[in-house]
Amino acid sequence: MSLLHATCVAIGPWAILLRGPSGSGKSDLALRLLGRADLAARLVADDQVEVSRRGDELWATAPAQIAGMMEVRGVGLVTVESEMEARLGLVLDLSLPVSRMPEKTFYALDGVDLPLYPCAPFEASAPDKIALLVRSLDEDILRS
């Protein structure tokens, strides 16, 4: 098992790992995803994510002491509905520069490669871009 400084949100059957340094916008972006009724997003973990390998899959959970809680900057610690666990399908790096046409890259964790994309978390379109990336996990919609 690995403990990561990240936030994790489940959308459909997939969990999205948001990683970046403190203050990079992980919780802010997660909060905006949770507020989108069309995505039906659910929090898995905020600030720390436990990741374990099961066969060829990675699964995310929250450490017991922070399960169901989220730190909202300017508001404080709040309780939110959450998933106990979710299968990771995608990693978004909030510290990488975002190019117009990013190269396809992967994030390797415990011997499993996950698609890795740069993300500008404070852009208004960030939740829409994430919805497209999640859709790409089930459908071949990316042409790059």
N, C-alpha and C. Protein backbone atom coordinates (compact mmCIF):
# COMPACT_ATOMS: atom_id res chain seq x y z
N MET A 1 0.84 -1.18 0.00
CA MET A 1 0.00 0.00 0.00
C MET A 1 0.88 1.24 0.00
N SER A 2 0.43 2.26 -0.73
CA SER A 2 1.13 3.54 -0.78
C SER A 2 0.23 4.62 -0.22
N LEU A 3 0.81 5.56 0.51
CA LEU A 3 0.08 6.72 1.01
C LEU A 3 0.56 7.92 0.23
N LEU A 4 -0.37 8.57 -0.49
CA LEU A 4 -0.01 9.69 -1.36
C LEU A 4 -0.61 10.99 -0.86
N HIS A 5 0.13 12.09 -1.04
CA HIS A 5 -0.41 13.42 -0.79
C HIS A 5 -1.18 13.80 -2.04
N ALA A 6 -2.50 13.61 -2.01
CA ALA A 6 -3.34 13.82 -3.18
C ALA A 6 -4.79 13.88 -2.72
N THR A 7 -5.67 14.13 -3.68
CA THR A 7 -7.11 14.08 -3.45
C THR A 7 -7.67 13.14 -4.50
N CYS A 8 -8.72 12.42 -4.14
CA CYS A 8 -9.28 11.43 -5.06
C CYS A 8 -10.79 11.58 -5.12
N VAL A 9 -11.30 11.61 -6.35
CA VAL A 9 -12.73 11.75 -6.60
C VAL A 9 -13.17 10.62 -7.52
N ALA A 10 -14.31 10.01 -7.22
CA ALA A 10 -14.87 8.97 -8.07
C ALA A 10 -15.91 9.60 -8.99
N ILE A 11 -15.81 9.25 -10.27
CA ILE A 11 -16.78 9.67 -11.28
C ILE A 11 -17.14 8.42 -12.06
N GLY A 12 -18.41 8.01 -11.98
CA GLY A 12 -18.80 6.76 -12.60
C GLY A 12 -18.02 5.63 -11.95
N PRO A 13 -17.51 4.70 -12.76
CA PRO A 13 -16.79 3.56 -12.18
C PRO A 13 -15.32 3.86 -11.89
N TRP A 14 -14.87 5.07 -12.18
CA TRP A 14 -13.45 5.40 -12.09
C TRP A 14 -13.14 6.38 -10.97
N ALA A 15 -11.94 6.27 -10.43
CA ALA A 15 -11.43 7.25 -9.48
C ALA A 15 -10.35 8.07 -10.18
N ILE A 16 -10.37 9.36 -9.91
CA ILE A 16 -9.42 10.29 -10.49
C ILE A 16 -8.52 10.78 -9.36
N LEU A 17 -7.23 10.63 -9.53
CA LEU A 17 -6.27 11.08 -8.53
C LEU A 17 -5.78 12.46 -8.92
N LEU A 18 -5.99 13.44 -8.04
CA LEU A 18 -5.53 14.80 -8.25
C LEU A 18 -4.28 14.98 -7.40
N ARG A 19 -3.14 15.21 -8.05
CA ARG A 19 -1.91 15.34 -7.27
C ARG A 19 -1.24 16.67 -7.59
N GLY A 20 -0.54 17.17 -6.60
CA GLY A 20 0.16 18.43 -6.72
C GLY A 20 0.57 18.91 -5.35
N PRO A 21 1.41 19.92 -5.30
CA PRO A 21 1.86 20.41 -4.00
C PRO A 21 0.74 21.08 -3.21
N SER A 22 0.97 21.31 -1.95
CA SER A 22 0.01 21.98 -1.10
C SER A 22 -0.35 23.34 -1.71
N GLY A 23 -1.64 23.64 -1.75
CA GLY A 23 -2.10 24.91 -2.30
C GLY A 23 -2.25 24.93 -3.80
N SER A 24 -2.07 23.78 -4.47
CA SER A 24 -2.14 23.75 -5.94
C SER A 24 -3.56 23.69 -6.48
N GLY A 25 -4.55 23.46 -5.61
CA GLY A 25 -5.93 23.46 -6.05
C GLY A 25 -6.62 22.11 -6.06
N LYS A 26 -6.02 21.11 -5.42
CA LYS A 26 -6.61 19.77 -5.42
C LYS A 26 -8.01 19.76 -4.80
N SER A 27 -8.13 20.29 -3.60
CA SER A 27 -9.43 20.28 -2.92
C SER A 27 -10.42 21.21 -3.61
N ASP A 28 -9.95 22.34 -4.11
CA ASP A 28 -10.83 23.28 -4.81
C ASP A 28 -11.44 22.62 -6.05
N LEU A 29 -10.60 21.95 -6.82
CA LEU A 29 -11.10 21.26 -8.01
C LEU A 29 -12.04 20.13 -7.63
N ALA A 30 -11.70 19.37 -6.60
CA ALA A 30 -12.57 18.29 -6.14
C ALA A 30 -13.93 18.84 -5.72
N LEU A 31 -13.95 19.96 -5.04
CA LEU A 31 -15.20 20.57 -4.60
C LEU A 31 -16.06 20.96 -5.80
N ARG A 32 -15.44 21.50 -6.85
CA ARG A 32 -16.20 21.86 -8.05
C ARG A 32 -16.72 20.62 -8.78
N LEU A 33 -15.95 19.54 -8.76
CA LEU A 33 -16.43 18.29 -9.35
C LEU A 33 -17.62 17.74 -8.57
N LEU A 34 -17.54 17.80 -7.23
CA LEU A 34 -18.63 17.29 -6.39
C LEU A 34 -19.90 18.10 -6.60
N GLY A 35 -19.77 19.35 -6.97
CA GLY A 35 -20.93 20.21 -7.17
C GLY A 35 -21.61 20.05 -8.51
N ARG A 36 -21.05 19.24 -9.38
CA ARG A 36 -21.63 19.04 -10.72
C ARG A 36 -22.57 17.83 -10.70
N ALA A 37 -23.86 18.09 -10.71
CA ALA A 37 -24.86 17.02 -10.66
C ALA A 37 -24.72 16.06 -11.84
N ASP A 38 -24.34 16.58 -13.01
CA ASP A 38 -24.23 15.73 -14.20
C ASP A 38 -23.10 14.72 -14.10
N LEU A 39 -22.10 14.98 -13.26
CA LEU A 39 -20.98 14.04 -13.10
C LEU A 39 -21.24 13.01 -12.00
N ALA A 40 -22.13 13.33 -11.08
CA ALA A 40 -22.40 12.44 -9.93
C ALA A 40 -21.08 12.05 -9.25
N ALA A 41 -20.19 13.02 -9.09
CA ALA A 41 -18.88 12.76 -8.47
C ALA A 41 -19.03 12.56 -6.97
N ARG A 42 -18.17 11.71 -6.43
CA ARG A 42 -18.14 11.43 -5.00
C ARG A 42 -16.72 11.50 -4.50
N LEU A 43 -16.53 12.07 -3.33
CA LEU A 43 -15.20 12.14 -2.73
C LEU A 43 -14.77 10.75 -2.28
N VAL A 44 -13.53 10.42 -2.55
CA VAL A 44 -12.93 9.20 -2.00
C VAL A 44 -12.03 9.61 -0.84
N ALA A 45 -11.14 10.57 -1.09
CA ALA A 45 -10.23 11.02 -0.03
C ALA A 45 -9.71 12.41 -0.38
N ASP A 46 -9.48 13.21 0.65
CA ASP A 46 -8.93 14.54 0.46
C ASP A 46 -7.63 14.67 1.25
N ASP A 47 -6.61 15.14 0.60
CA ASP A 47 -5.31 15.43 1.17
C ASP A 47 -4.39 14.21 1.28
N GLN A 48 -4.92 13.07 1.67
CA GLN A 48 -4.13 11.85 1.72
C GLN A 48 -4.97 10.71 1.14
N VAL A 49 -4.33 9.91 0.30
CA VAL A 49 -5.02 8.80 -0.35
C VAL A 49 -4.19 7.54 -0.17
N GLU A 50 -4.83 6.50 0.30
CA GLU A 50 -4.18 5.19 0.38
C GLU A 50 -4.48 4.45 -0.91
N VAL A 51 -3.43 3.94 -1.55
CA VAL A 51 -3.59 3.23 -2.81
C VAL A 51 -3.03 1.82 -2.63
N SER A 52 -3.85 0.84 -3.02
CA SER A 52 -3.40 -0.56 -2.93
C SER A 52 -3.62 -1.23 -4.27
N ARG A 53 -2.75 -2.18 -4.56
CA ARG A 53 -2.84 -2.92 -5.82
C ARG A 53 -3.63 -4.20 -5.59
N ARG A 54 -4.55 -4.47 -6.53
CA ARG A 54 -5.30 -5.73 -6.54
C ARG A 54 -5.21 -6.27 -7.95
N GLY A 55 -4.39 -7.27 -8.14
CA GLY A 55 -4.15 -7.78 -9.48
C GLY A 55 -3.49 -6.71 -10.32
N ASP A 56 -4.10 -6.35 -11.43
CA ASP A 56 -3.57 -5.30 -12.31
C ASP A 56 -4.26 -3.96 -12.10
N GLU A 57 -4.98 -3.81 -11.00
CA GLU A 57 -5.73 -2.58 -10.74
C GLU A 57 -5.22 -1.90 -9.47
N LEU A 58 -5.42 -0.59 -9.43
CA LEU A 58 -5.11 0.19 -8.23
C LEU A 58 -6.42 0.70 -7.64
N TRP A 59 -6.55 0.59 -6.33
CA TRP A 59 -7.75 1.02 -5.63
C TRP A 59 -7.38 2.08 -4.60
N ALA A 60 -8.23 3.11 -4.51
CA ALA A 60 -7.99 4.23 -3.61
C ALA A 60 -9.00 4.21 -2.46
N THR A 61 -8.50 4.53 -1.28
CA THR A 61 -9.34 4.69 -0.09
C THR A 61 -8.81 5.87 0.71
N ALA A 62 -9.60 6.31 1.66
CA ALA A 62 -9.16 7.37 2.57
C ALA A 62 -8.61 6.74 3.84
N PRO A 63 -7.57 7.32 4.41
CA PRO A 63 -7.16 6.88 5.74
C PRO A 63 -8.34 7.04 6.70
N ALA A 64 -8.51 6.11 7.62
CA ALA A 64 -9.69 6.08 8.50
C ALA A 64 -9.92 7.41 9.22
N GLN A 65 -8.85 8.06 9.66
CA GLN A 65 -9.01 9.28 10.46
C GLN A 65 -9.53 10.48 9.67
N ILE A 66 -9.49 10.44 8.33
CA ILE A 66 -9.98 11.57 7.53
C ILE A 66 -11.10 11.16 6.56
N ALA A 67 -11.58 9.95 6.65
CA ALA A 67 -12.64 9.48 5.74
C ALA A 67 -13.87 10.36 5.86
N GLY A 68 -14.42 10.77 4.72
CA GLY A 68 -15.63 11.57 4.70
C GLY A 68 -15.43 13.04 5.03
N MET A 69 -14.17 13.47 5.12
CA MET A 69 -13.90 14.87 5.44
C MET A 69 -13.10 15.53 4.31
N MET A 70 -13.34 16.83 4.18
CA MET A 70 -12.67 17.61 3.15
C MET A 70 -12.31 18.97 3.73
N GLU A 71 -11.10 19.41 3.42
CA GLU A 71 -10.69 20.75 3.85
C GLU A 71 -11.03 21.73 2.74
N VAL A 72 -11.90 22.68 3.05
CA VAL A 72 -12.29 23.70 2.09
C VAL A 72 -11.65 25.01 2.52
N ARG A 73 -10.70 25.49 1.72
CA ARG A 73 -9.97 26.71 2.06
C ARG A 73 -10.95 27.87 2.25
N GLY A 74 -10.80 28.57 3.36
CA GLY A 74 -11.66 29.70 3.67
C GLY A 74 -12.94 29.32 4.41
N VAL A 75 -13.21 28.01 4.49
CA VAL A 75 -14.40 27.52 5.20
C VAL A 75 -13.97 26.66 6.38
N GLY A 76 -13.07 25.71 6.13
CA GLY A 76 -12.60 24.81 7.17
C GLY A 76 -12.85 23.36 6.80
N LEU A 77 -12.84 22.52 7.79
CA LEU A 77 -13.03 21.08 7.59
C LEU A 77 -14.53 20.80 7.56
N VAL A 78 -14.98 20.12 6.50
CA VAL A 78 -16.41 19.80 6.35
C VAL A 78 -16.58 18.31 6.12
N THR A 79 -17.75 17.82 6.47
CA THR A 79 -18.10 16.42 6.22
C THR A 79 -18.85 16.37 4.90
N VAL A 80 -18.47 15.41 4.04
CA VAL A 80 -19.15 15.23 2.75
C VAL A 80 -19.43 13.75 2.54
N GLU A 81 -20.44 13.47 1.72
CA GLU A 81 -20.69 12.08 1.36
C GLU A 81 -19.48 11.56 0.61
N SER A 82 -19.12 10.32 0.87
CA SER A 82 -17.92 9.80 0.22
C SER A 82 -18.08 8.33 -0.10
N GLU A 83 -17.19 7.87 -0.99
CA GLU A 83 -17.08 6.47 -1.35
C GLU A 83 -16.05 5.82 -0.43
N MET A 84 -16.29 4.59 -0.07
CA MET A 84 -15.31 3.86 0.74
C MET A 84 -14.04 3.57 -0.05
N GLU A 85 -14.20 3.22 -1.33
CA GLU A 85 -13.07 2.91 -2.19
C GLU A 85 -13.50 3.05 -3.64
N ALA A 86 -12.52 3.23 -4.50
CA ALA A 86 -12.81 3.33 -5.93
C ALA A 86 -11.57 2.92 -6.72
N ARG A 87 -11.79 2.39 -7.91
CA ARG A 87 -10.70 1.92 -8.78
C ARG A 87 -10.10 3.11 -9.53
N LEU A 88 -8.80 3.28 -9.41
CA LEU A 88 -8.12 4.39 -10.07
C LEU A 88 -8.04 4.15 -11.58
N GLY A 89 -8.31 5.21 -12.33
CA GLY A 89 -8.23 5.11 -13.78
C GLY A 89 -7.43 6.22 -14.42
N LEU A 90 -7.13 7.28 -13.65
CA LEU A 90 -6.55 8.48 -14.24
C LEU A 90 -5.84 9.29 -13.17
N VAL A 91 -4.72 9.90 -13.54
CA VAL A 91 -4.00 10.80 -12.64
C VAL A 91 -3.90 12.16 -13.32
N LEU A 92 -4.27 13.20 -12.57
CA LEU A 92 -4.13 14.57 -13.05
C LEU A 92 -3.08 15.25 -12.20
N ASP A 93 -2.07 15.83 -12.84
CA ASP A 93 -1.00 16.50 -12.13
C ASP A 93 -1.22 18.00 -12.22
N LEU A 94 -1.44 18.63 -11.08
CA LEU A 94 -1.75 20.05 -11.02
C LEU A 94 -0.51 20.92 -10.98
N SER A 95 0.67 20.31 -11.05
CA SER A 95 1.91 21.09 -11.02
C SER A 95 2.62 21.11 -12.37
N LEU A 96 2.16 20.30 -13.30
CA LEU A 96 2.79 20.26 -14.62
C LEU A 96 2.28 21.39 -15.49
N PRO A 97 3.13 21.92 -16.37
CA PRO A 97 2.62 22.92 -17.32
C PRO A 97 1.65 22.25 -18.30
N VAL A 98 0.61 22.97 -18.66
CA VAL A 98 -0.41 22.44 -19.56
C VAL A 98 -0.12 22.93 -20.97
N SER A 99 0.19 21.98 -21.84
CA SER A 99 0.43 22.34 -23.24
C SER A 99 -0.87 22.16 -24.03
N ARG A 100 -0.88 22.74 -25.17
CA ARG A 100 -2.07 22.67 -26.03
C ARG A 100 -2.39 21.24 -26.44
N MET A 101 -1.38 20.49 -26.80
CA MET A 101 -1.54 19.10 -27.24
C MET A 101 -0.55 18.23 -26.44
N PRO A 102 -0.93 17.82 -25.23
CA PRO A 102 0.01 17.07 -24.39
C PRO A 102 0.35 15.70 -24.98
N GLU A 103 1.59 15.30 -24.75
CA GLU A 103 2.02 13.94 -25.12
C GLU A 103 1.31 12.95 -24.19
N LYS A 104 1.04 11.77 -24.71
CA LYS A 104 0.44 10.73 -23.88
C LYS A 104 1.52 10.21 -22.92
N THR A 105 1.28 10.36 -21.63
CA THR A 105 2.23 9.90 -20.62
C THR A 105 1.49 9.08 -19.57
N PHE A 106 2.28 8.41 -18.76
CA PHE A 106 1.70 7.55 -17.73
C PHE A 106 2.37 7.79 -16.39
N TYR A 107 1.64 7.49 -15.34
CA TYR A 107 2.13 7.55 -13.97
C TYR A 107 2.19 6.12 -13.47
N ALA A 108 3.37 5.66 -13.12
CA ALA A 108 3.54 4.29 -12.65
C ALA A 108 3.48 4.25 -11.12
N LEU A 109 2.62 3.42 -10.60
CA LEU A 109 2.49 3.26 -9.16
C LEU A 109 2.32 1.78 -8.86
N ASP A 110 3.17 1.24 -8.03
CA ASP A 110 3.13 -0.18 -7.67
C ASP A 110 3.08 -1.08 -8.90
N GLY A 111 3.79 -0.69 -9.95
CA GLY A 111 3.88 -1.50 -11.16
C GLY A 111 2.69 -1.39 -12.10
N VAL A 112 1.78 -0.47 -11.84
CA VAL A 112 0.62 -0.26 -12.70
C VAL A 112 0.73 1.13 -13.33
N ASP A 113 0.56 1.21 -14.65
CA ASP A 113 0.61 2.49 -15.36
C ASP A 113 -0.80 3.06 -15.50
N LEU A 114 -0.95 4.32 -15.10
CA LEU A 114 -2.21 5.04 -15.26
C LEU A 114 -1.99 6.23 -16.17
N PRO A 115 -2.97 6.57 -17.01
CA PRO A 115 -2.83 7.77 -17.85
C PRO A 115 -2.59 9.00 -16.96
N LEU A 116 -1.65 9.83 -17.37
CA LEU A 116 -1.29 11.04 -16.62
C LEU A 116 -1.47 12.25 -17.52
N TYR A 117 -2.21 13.24 -17.02
CA TYR A 117 -2.44 14.47 -17.77
C TYR A 117 -2.14 15.67 -16.88
N PRO A 118 -1.60 16.74 -17.47
CA PRO A 118 -1.46 17.98 -16.72
C PRO A 118 -2.85 18.62 -16.60
N CYS A 119 -3.05 19.39 -15.54
CA CYS A 119 -4.35 20.01 -15.33
C CYS A 119 -4.16 21.38 -14.70
N ALA A 120 -4.81 22.38 -15.27
CA ALA A 120 -4.86 23.73 -14.69
C ALA A 120 -6.14 23.80 -13.86
N PRO A 121 -6.07 23.57 -12.55
CA PRO A 121 -7.26 23.35 -11.74
C PRO A 121 -8.19 24.54 -11.61
N PHE A 122 -7.68 25.75 -11.78
CA PHE A 122 -8.52 26.92 -11.56
C PHE A 122 -9.20 27.42 -12.83
N GLU A 123 -8.93 26.78 -13.97
CA GLU A 123 -9.63 27.15 -15.19
C GLU A 123 -11.11 26.76 -15.05
N ALA A 124 -11.99 27.61 -15.55
CA ALA A 124 -13.43 27.32 -15.47
C ALA A 124 -13.77 26.01 -16.17
N SER A 125 -13.01 25.67 -17.21
CA SER A 125 -13.31 24.45 -17.98
C SER A 125 -12.69 23.19 -17.39
N ALA A 126 -11.96 23.28 -16.31
CA ALA A 126 -11.28 22.10 -15.74
C ALA A 126 -12.25 20.93 -15.49
N PRO A 127 -13.42 21.14 -14.85
CA PRO A 127 -14.33 20.00 -14.67
C PRO A 127 -14.81 19.40 -15.99
N ASP A 128 -15.01 20.24 -17.01
CA ASP A 128 -15.44 19.73 -18.31
C ASP A 128 -14.35 18.88 -18.95
N LYS A 129 -13.10 19.32 -18.83
CA LYS A 129 -11.98 18.56 -19.38
C LYS A 129 -11.84 17.22 -18.67
N ILE A 130 -12.05 17.23 -17.36
CA ILE A 130 -11.98 15.98 -16.59
C ILE A 130 -13.09 15.04 -17.04
N ALA A 131 -14.28 15.57 -17.28
CA ALA A 131 -15.39 14.73 -17.76
C ALA A 131 -15.01 14.07 -19.09
N LEU A 132 -14.34 14.81 -19.98
CA LEU A 132 -13.90 14.22 -21.24
C LEU A 132 -12.86 13.13 -21.02
N LEU A 133 -11.91 13.38 -20.12
CA LEU A 133 -10.87 12.38 -19.85
C LEU A 133 -11.46 11.12 -19.23
N VAL A 134 -12.42 11.28 -18.34
CA VAL A 134 -13.08 10.11 -17.74
C VAL A 134 -13.82 9.34 -18.82
N ARG A 135 -14.50 10.06 -19.70
CA ARG A 135 -15.21 9.40 -20.81
C ARG A 135 -14.23 8.63 -21.68
N SER A 136 -13.03 9.16 -21.86
CA SER A 136 -12.03 8.50 -22.71
C SER A 136 -11.56 7.17 -22.13
N LEU A 137 -11.78 6.95 -20.83
CA LEU A 137 -11.40 5.68 -20.22
C LEU A 137 -12.31 4.55 -20.69
N ASP A 138 -13.54 4.89 -21.09
CA ASP A 138 -14.50 3.90 -21.56
C ASP A 138 -14.70 3.91 -23.07
N GLU A 139 -14.41 5.05 -23.70
CA GLU A 139 -14.61 5.20 -25.14
C GLU A 139 -13.35 5.75 -25.77
N ASP A 140 -13.09 5.40 -27.01
CA ASP A 140 -11.92 5.89 -27.72
C ASP A 140 -12.24 7.24 -28.37
N ILE A 141 -12.20 8.32 -27.55
CA ILE A 141 -12.54 9.63 -28.09
C ILE A 141 -11.33 10.53 -28.29
N LEU A 142 -10.18 10.16 -27.72
CA LEU A 142 -8.98 10.99 -27.85
C LEU A 142 -8.26 10.65 -29.15
N ARG A 143 -7.91 11.65 -29.88
CA ARG A 143 -7.28 11.45 -31.18
C ARG A 143 -5.81 11.87 -31.20
N SER A 144 -5.21 11.99 -30.03
CA SER A 144 -3.80 12.38 -29.99
C SER A 144 -2.90 11.21 -29.68
